[in-house]
Amino acid sequence: MKKILILSLFSIFSCKNEPICSVDENNAGKEIYDLGEATCFIALELNKKTSDLNLIHEALIAEENYMNTIGLISENPNSEGETVSEVEFDINQLVEYAMNKEKVELTKNDLLEIYDTEIEYLKFIGVVDQ
């Protein structure tokens, strides 16, 4: 009985319910995408653990690489006079790319959940309308 009481007290005092990371509320509406902040925002929204941060980060890097691959984003901005071609963004193709090309170790459902929650981050920073 004494052993159980000691273990219970230890677990109560070792869990401080501190967040795994924090998002700067001052960045709301600034239209600046920050990969670290996006990772944290998604983790907090999905009630993930510290150990999940790296996987979320990898999923977001895979998304960026996918968008580069399909020409949605580019390191070189278009020069004047060039038009942006019509590019279709398919979330299912993104998930397949992340799993098969980038080897992100998450399930399809986990990736979909991350990418869906990322939209909330985009709303937070003001890139996507509410």
N, C-alpha and C. Protein backbone atom coordinates (compact mmCIF):
# COMPACT_ATOMS: atom_id res chain seq x y z
N MET A 1 0.82 -1.19 0.00
CA MET A 1 0.00 0.00 0.00
C MET A 1 0.87 1.26 0.00
N LYS A 2 1.91 1.23 0.82
CA LYS A 2 2.80 2.37 0.92
C LYS A 2 3.49 2.62 -0.43
N LYS A 3 3.85 1.54 -1.13
CA LYS A 3 4.51 1.64 -2.42
C LYS A 3 3.58 2.30 -3.46
N ILE A 4 2.32 1.93 -3.45
CA ILE A 4 1.34 2.49 -4.38
C ILE A 4 1.16 3.98 -4.10
N LEU A 5 1.08 4.37 -2.84
CA LEU A 5 0.92 5.77 -2.47
C LEU A 5 2.12 6.59 -2.95
N ILE A 6 3.32 6.08 -2.77
CA ILE A 6 4.53 6.79 -3.20
C ILE A 6 4.55 6.94 -4.72
N LEU A 7 4.20 5.86 -5.43
CA LEU A 7 4.16 5.94 -6.89
C LEU A 7 3.10 6.91 -7.37
N SER A 8 1.97 6.94 -6.70
CA SER A 8 0.90 7.87 -7.07
C SER A 8 1.33 9.31 -6.86
N LEU A 9 1.96 9.60 -5.74
CA LEU A 9 2.44 10.95 -5.47
C LEU A 9 3.51 11.36 -6.48
N PHE A 10 4.40 10.44 -6.80
CA PHE A 10 5.45 10.74 -7.77
C PHE A 10 4.86 11.09 -9.12
N SER A 11 3.87 10.32 -9.58
CA SER A 11 3.27 10.59 -10.88
C SER A 11 2.49 11.90 -10.88
N ILE A 12 1.87 12.24 -9.78
CA ILE A 12 1.12 13.50 -9.70
C ILE A 12 2.07 14.69 -9.77
N PHE A 13 3.17 14.63 -9.03
CA PHE A 13 4.09 15.77 -9.00
C PHE A 13 4.97 15.84 -10.25
N SER A 14 5.17 14.74 -10.94
CA SER A 14 6.00 14.77 -12.14
C SER A 14 5.21 15.27 -13.36
N CYS A 15 3.88 15.21 -13.32
CA CYS A 15 3.04 15.73 -14.41
C CYS A 15 2.62 17.14 -14.06
N LYS A 16 3.20 18.09 -14.72
CA LYS A 16 2.89 19.49 -14.41
C LYS A 16 1.90 20.09 -15.39
N ASN A 17 1.46 19.30 -16.37
CA ASN A 17 0.52 19.77 -17.38
C ASN A 17 1.03 20.99 -18.14
N GLU A 18 2.34 21.07 -18.29
CA GLU A 18 2.91 22.16 -19.07
C GLU A 18 2.78 21.81 -20.55
N PRO A 19 2.53 22.81 -21.38
CA PRO A 19 2.43 22.53 -22.82
C PRO A 19 3.79 22.08 -23.37
N ILE A 20 3.74 21.30 -24.44
CA ILE A 20 4.97 20.77 -25.04
C ILE A 20 5.74 21.83 -25.81
N CYS A 21 5.07 22.91 -26.17
CA CYS A 21 5.68 24.03 -26.89
C CYS A 21 4.70 25.19 -26.81
N SER A 22 5.07 26.31 -27.38
CA SER A 22 4.15 27.44 -27.34
C SER A 22 4.13 28.17 -28.67
N VAL A 23 3.00 28.78 -28.94
CA VAL A 23 2.78 29.55 -30.16
C VAL A 23 2.66 31.01 -29.74
N ASP A 24 3.39 31.87 -30.42
CA ASP A 24 3.35 33.29 -30.12
C ASP A 24 2.06 33.90 -30.68
N GLU A 25 1.16 34.27 -29.81
CA GLU A 25 -0.13 34.84 -30.23
C GLU A 25 0.05 36.14 -31.01
N ASN A 26 1.19 36.80 -30.84
CA ASN A 26 1.46 38.03 -31.58
C ASN A 26 1.64 37.78 -33.08
N ASN A 27 1.85 36.53 -33.47
CA ASN A 27 2.03 36.20 -34.89
C ASN A 27 0.70 36.03 -35.62
N ALA A 28 -0.41 36.11 -34.89
CA ALA A 28 -1.72 35.98 -35.52
C ALA A 28 -1.90 37.08 -36.56
N GLY A 29 -2.27 36.67 -37.76
CA GLY A 29 -2.56 37.62 -38.82
C GLY A 29 -1.35 38.21 -39.52
N LYS A 30 -0.14 37.78 -39.17
CA LYS A 30 1.07 38.37 -39.77
C LYS A 30 1.42 37.81 -41.14
N GLU A 31 0.73 36.78 -41.57
CA GLU A 31 0.92 36.18 -42.90
C GLU A 31 2.34 35.69 -43.12
N ILE A 32 3.00 35.24 -42.06
CA ILE A 32 4.34 34.67 -42.17
C ILE A 32 4.28 33.24 -41.66
N TYR A 33 4.59 32.30 -42.57
CA TYR A 33 4.57 30.87 -42.22
C TYR A 33 5.90 30.52 -41.58
N ASP A 34 5.84 30.00 -40.38
CA ASP A 34 7.02 29.56 -39.65
C ASP A 34 6.88 28.06 -39.40
N LEU A 35 7.80 27.29 -39.94
CA LEU A 35 7.71 25.83 -39.86
C LEU A 35 7.68 25.33 -38.41
N GLY A 36 8.52 25.89 -37.57
CA GLY A 36 8.54 25.48 -36.16
C GLY A 36 7.25 25.81 -35.45
N GLU A 37 6.74 27.01 -35.72
CA GLU A 37 5.49 27.41 -35.11
C GLU A 37 4.33 26.58 -35.63
N ALA A 38 4.33 26.28 -36.94
CA ALA A 38 3.29 25.44 -37.51
C ALA A 38 3.31 24.06 -36.86
N THR A 39 4.51 23.52 -36.68
CA THR A 39 4.66 22.21 -36.03
C THR A 39 4.05 22.23 -34.64
N CYS A 40 4.40 23.26 -33.87
CA CYS A 40 3.90 23.39 -32.51
C CYS A 40 2.39 23.58 -32.50
N PHE A 41 1.89 24.46 -33.35
CA PHE A 41 0.45 24.75 -33.43
C PHE A 41 -0.33 23.45 -33.68
N ILE A 42 0.12 22.67 -34.65
CA ILE A 42 -0.56 21.42 -34.99
C ILE A 42 -0.51 20.44 -33.83
N ALA A 43 0.66 20.32 -33.19
CA ALA A 43 0.81 19.41 -32.06
C ALA A 43 -0.14 19.78 -30.93
N LEU A 44 -0.24 21.07 -30.63
CA LEU A 44 -1.13 21.52 -29.56
C LEU A 44 -2.59 21.29 -29.91
N GLU A 45 -2.96 21.60 -31.17
CA GLU A 45 -4.35 21.40 -31.61
C GLU A 45 -4.76 19.93 -31.53
N LEU A 46 -3.81 19.03 -31.83
CA LEU A 46 -4.11 17.60 -31.85
C LEU A 46 -3.79 16.90 -30.53
N ASN A 47 -3.42 17.69 -29.51
CA ASN A 47 -3.07 17.15 -28.20
C ASN A 47 -2.00 16.06 -28.28
N LYS A 48 -0.95 16.35 -29.05
CA LYS A 48 0.14 15.40 -29.23
C LYS A 48 1.18 15.55 -28.14
N LYS A 49 2.09 14.59 -28.07
CA LYS A 49 3.16 14.59 -27.08
C LYS A 49 4.42 15.18 -27.69
N THR A 50 5.39 15.48 -26.84
CA THR A 50 6.67 16.01 -27.30
C THR A 50 7.30 15.07 -28.32
N SER A 51 7.14 13.78 -28.13
CA SER A 51 7.73 12.80 -29.04
C SER A 51 7.12 12.86 -30.45
N ASP A 52 5.96 13.48 -30.59
CA ASP A 52 5.29 13.59 -31.90
C ASP A 52 5.76 14.81 -32.69
N LEU A 53 6.42 15.76 -32.05
CA LEU A 53 6.83 16.99 -32.73
C LEU A 53 7.69 16.71 -33.96
N ASN A 54 8.65 15.81 -33.83
CA ASN A 54 9.54 15.53 -34.96
C ASN A 54 8.78 14.93 -36.14
N LEU A 55 7.83 14.05 -35.87
CA LEU A 55 7.05 13.44 -36.95
C LEU A 55 6.18 14.48 -37.66
N ILE A 56 5.59 15.38 -36.90
CA ILE A 56 4.79 16.45 -37.50
C ILE A 56 5.70 17.33 -38.36
N HIS A 57 6.86 17.65 -37.83
CA HIS A 57 7.84 18.46 -38.58
C HIS A 57 8.21 17.77 -39.89
N GLU A 58 8.47 16.47 -39.84
CA GLU A 58 8.82 15.71 -41.05
C GLU A 58 7.66 15.72 -42.06
N ALA A 59 6.43 15.64 -41.56
CA ALA A 59 5.27 15.67 -42.45
C ALA A 59 5.17 17.03 -43.15
N LEU A 60 5.47 18.10 -42.45
CA LEU A 60 5.42 19.44 -43.04
C LEU A 60 6.56 19.66 -44.03
N ILE A 61 7.72 19.12 -43.74
CA ILE A 61 8.85 19.19 -44.69
C ILE A 61 8.49 18.41 -45.96
N ALA A 62 7.87 17.24 -45.80
CA ALA A 62 7.45 16.45 -46.96
C ALA A 62 6.45 17.23 -47.80
N GLU A 63 5.56 17.96 -47.14
CA GLU A 63 4.58 18.78 -47.87
C GLU A 63 5.29 19.86 -48.68
N GLU A 64 6.27 20.52 -48.08
CA GLU A 64 7.02 21.55 -48.78
C GLU A 64 7.76 20.96 -49.99
N ASN A 65 8.37 19.80 -49.80
CA ASN A 65 9.07 19.14 -50.90
C ASN A 65 8.11 18.75 -52.02
N TYR A 66 6.92 18.28 -51.63
CA TYR A 66 5.90 17.91 -52.62
C TYR A 66 5.49 19.14 -53.42
N MET A 67 5.24 20.24 -52.74
CA MET A 67 4.82 21.46 -53.44
C MET A 67 5.92 21.97 -54.37
N ASN A 68 7.18 21.81 -53.99
CA ASN A 68 8.29 22.15 -54.88
C ASN A 68 8.28 21.23 -56.10
N THR A 69 8.05 19.95 -55.88
CA THR A 69 8.06 18.95 -56.95
C THR A 69 6.98 19.23 -57.99
N ILE A 70 5.79 19.62 -57.55
CA ILE A 70 4.71 19.86 -58.51
C ILE A 70 4.71 21.28 -59.04
N GLY A 71 5.64 22.11 -58.56
CA GLY A 71 5.75 23.47 -59.06
C GLY A 71 4.83 24.48 -58.40
N LEU A 72 4.27 24.12 -57.26
CA LEU A 72 3.38 25.04 -56.57
C LEU A 72 4.16 26.15 -55.87
N ILE A 73 5.33 25.79 -55.36
CA ILE A 73 6.23 26.80 -54.79
C ILE A 73 7.59 26.60 -55.44
N SER A 74 8.38 27.65 -55.38
CA SER A 74 9.69 27.60 -56.02
C SER A 74 10.66 28.46 -55.23
N GLU A 75 11.92 28.09 -55.25
CA GLU A 75 12.95 28.89 -54.60
C GLU A 75 13.16 30.19 -55.36
N ASN A 76 12.91 30.18 -56.67
CA ASN A 76 13.08 31.37 -57.51
C ASN A 76 11.72 31.96 -57.82
N PRO A 77 11.47 33.18 -57.37
CA PRO A 77 10.18 33.79 -57.71
C PRO A 77 10.09 34.04 -59.21
N ASN A 78 8.86 34.03 -59.72
CA ASN A 78 8.64 34.27 -61.16
C ASN A 78 9.12 35.67 -61.53
N SER A 79 9.77 35.76 -62.69
CA SER A 79 10.12 37.10 -63.16
C SER A 79 8.86 37.73 -63.72
N GLU A 80 8.93 39.04 -63.86
CA GLU A 80 7.76 39.76 -64.37
C GLU A 80 7.44 39.27 -65.77
N GLY A 81 6.19 39.17 -66.06
CA GLY A 81 5.76 38.72 -67.38
C GLY A 81 5.49 37.23 -67.45
N GLU A 82 6.08 36.45 -66.53
CA GLU A 82 5.81 35.00 -66.53
C GLU A 82 4.50 34.76 -65.79
N THR A 83 3.76 33.80 -66.27
CA THR A 83 2.50 33.46 -65.59
C THR A 83 2.70 32.16 -64.83
N VAL A 84 1.98 32.05 -63.74
CA VAL A 84 2.04 30.83 -62.95
C VAL A 84 1.11 29.82 -63.60
N SER A 85 1.64 28.63 -63.84
CA SER A 85 0.80 27.61 -64.48
C SER A 85 -0.22 27.08 -63.48
N GLU A 86 -1.30 26.56 -64.01
CA GLU A 86 -2.32 25.97 -63.17
C GLU A 86 -1.77 24.68 -62.57
N VAL A 87 -1.71 24.62 -61.26
CA VAL A 87 -1.22 23.43 -60.57
C VAL A 87 -2.31 22.94 -59.65
N GLU A 88 -2.59 21.66 -59.73
CA GLU A 88 -3.62 21.08 -58.88
C GLU A 88 -2.97 20.47 -57.66
N PHE A 89 -3.46 20.85 -56.49
CA PHE A 89 -2.95 20.32 -55.22
C PHE A 89 -3.91 19.24 -54.75
N ASP A 90 -3.44 18.02 -54.72
CA ASP A 90 -4.26 16.88 -54.31
C ASP A 90 -3.71 16.34 -53.00
N ILE A 91 -4.49 16.46 -51.94
CA ILE A 91 -4.01 16.05 -50.62
C ILE A 91 -3.71 14.55 -50.56
N ASN A 92 -4.46 13.75 -51.32
CA ASN A 92 -4.18 12.31 -51.32
C ASN A 92 -2.85 12.01 -51.99
N GLN A 93 -2.52 12.75 -53.04
CA GLN A 93 -1.20 12.57 -53.67
C GLN A 93 -0.10 13.04 -52.72
N LEU A 94 -0.38 14.11 -51.99
CA LEU A 94 0.58 14.59 -50.98
C LEU A 94 0.86 13.50 -49.95
N VAL A 95 -0.19 12.88 -49.45
CA VAL A 95 -0.03 11.83 -48.43
C VAL A 95 0.78 10.66 -49.00
N GLU A 96 0.47 10.25 -50.23
CA GLU A 96 1.22 9.16 -50.87
C GLU A 96 2.70 9.55 -51.03
N TYR A 97 2.93 10.79 -51.43
CA TYR A 97 4.30 11.29 -51.58
C TYR A 97 5.03 11.25 -50.24
N ALA A 98 4.38 11.74 -49.19
CA ALA A 98 5.00 11.77 -47.86
C ALA A 98 5.34 10.37 -47.37
N MET A 99 4.45 9.43 -47.61
CA MET A 99 4.67 8.06 -47.14
C MET A 99 5.69 7.31 -48.00
N ASN A 100 5.59 7.45 -49.31
CA ASN A 100 6.41 6.63 -50.21
C ASN A 100 7.73 7.26 -50.62
N LYS A 101 7.73 8.55 -50.90
CA LYS A 101 8.96 9.22 -51.35
C LYS A 101 9.77 9.75 -50.17
N GLU A 102 9.09 10.38 -49.22
CA GLU A 102 9.78 10.98 -48.09
C GLU A 102 9.93 10.01 -46.90
N LYS A 103 9.21 8.90 -46.98
CA LYS A 103 9.27 7.85 -45.94
C LYS A 103 8.92 8.38 -44.54
N VAL A 104 7.94 9.29 -44.48
CA VAL A 104 7.46 9.77 -43.20
C VAL A 104 6.76 8.61 -42.50
N GLU A 105 7.14 8.36 -41.27
CA GLU A 105 6.64 7.19 -40.55
C GLU A 105 5.34 7.49 -39.80
N LEU A 106 4.33 7.86 -40.58
CA LEU A 106 3.00 8.10 -40.04
C LEU A 106 1.99 7.39 -40.94
N THR A 107 0.82 7.13 -40.38
CA THR A 107 -0.23 6.49 -41.18
C THR A 107 -0.88 7.53 -42.08
N LYS A 108 -1.64 7.05 -43.03
CA LYS A 108 -2.38 7.94 -43.93
C LYS A 108 -3.31 8.84 -43.12
N ASN A 109 -4.01 8.25 -42.16
CA ASN A 109 -4.94 9.04 -41.34
C ASN A 109 -4.22 10.09 -40.51
N ASP A 110 -3.05 9.75 -39.97
CA ASP A 110 -2.28 10.72 -39.20
C ASP A 110 -1.85 11.89 -40.08
N LEU A 111 -1.38 11.58 -41.28
CA LEU A 111 -0.96 12.64 -42.20
C LEU A 111 -2.13 13.53 -42.61
N LEU A 112 -3.26 12.92 -42.91
CA LEU A 112 -4.45 13.70 -43.25
C LEU A 112 -4.86 14.62 -42.10
N GLU A 113 -4.78 14.11 -40.89
CA GLU A 113 -5.12 14.89 -39.70
C GLU A 113 -4.16 16.08 -39.55
N ILE A 114 -2.87 15.84 -39.77
CA ILE A 114 -1.88 16.91 -39.68
C ILE A 114 -2.14 17.97 -40.75
N TYR A 115 -2.32 17.55 -41.99
CA TYR A 115 -2.52 18.51 -43.07
C TYR A 115 -3.84 19.26 -42.94
N ASP A 116 -4.87 18.60 -42.43
CA ASP A 116 -6.14 19.29 -42.18
C ASP A 116 -5.99 20.33 -41.07
N THR A 117 -5.24 19.99 -40.04
CA THR A 117 -5.03 20.90 -38.92
C THR A 117 -4.13 22.06 -39.33
N GLU A 118 -3.25 21.82 -40.29
CA GLU A 118 -2.39 22.90 -40.77
C GLU A 118 -3.22 24.05 -41.33
N ILE A 119 -4.38 23.75 -41.86
CA ILE A 119 -5.28 24.79 -42.37
C ILE A 119 -5.65 25.76 -41.24
N GLU A 120 -5.83 25.23 -40.04
CA GLU A 120 -6.14 26.09 -38.89
C GLU A 120 -4.97 27.02 -38.60
N TYR A 121 -3.74 26.53 -38.77
CA TYR A 121 -2.57 27.39 -38.60
C TYR A 121 -2.55 28.48 -39.67
N LEU A 122 -2.87 28.10 -40.90
CA LEU A 122 -2.90 29.08 -41.99
C LEU A 122 -3.96 30.15 -41.73
N LYS A 123 -5.07 29.77 -41.12
CA LYS A 123 -6.08 30.74 -40.73
C LYS A 123 -5.54 31.64 -39.63
N PHE A 124 -4.83 31.05 -38.67
CA PHE A 124 -4.25 31.79 -37.54
C PHE A 124 -3.30 32.88 -38.02
N ILE A 125 -2.46 32.57 -39.00
CA ILE A 125 -1.50 33.57 -39.48
C ILE A 125 -2.10 34.48 -40.55
N GLY A 126 -3.34 34.22 -40.94
CA GLY A 126 -4.04 35.12 -41.85
C GLY A 126 -3.83 34.86 -43.32
N VAL A 127 -3.34 33.68 -43.68
CA VAL A 127 -3.09 33.35 -45.07
C VAL A 127 -4.36 32.79 -45.73
N VAL A 128 -5.20 32.15 -44.93
CA VAL A 128 -6.45 31.57 -45.40
C VAL A 128 -7.59 32.27 -44.68
N ASP A 129 -8.64 32.58 -45.42
CA ASP A 129 -9.79 33.24 -44.81
C ASP A 129 -10.48 32.31 -43.83
N GLN A 130 -11.07 32.93 -42.82
CA GLN A 130 -11.82 32.19 -41.81
C GLN A 130 -13.01 31.59 -42.46
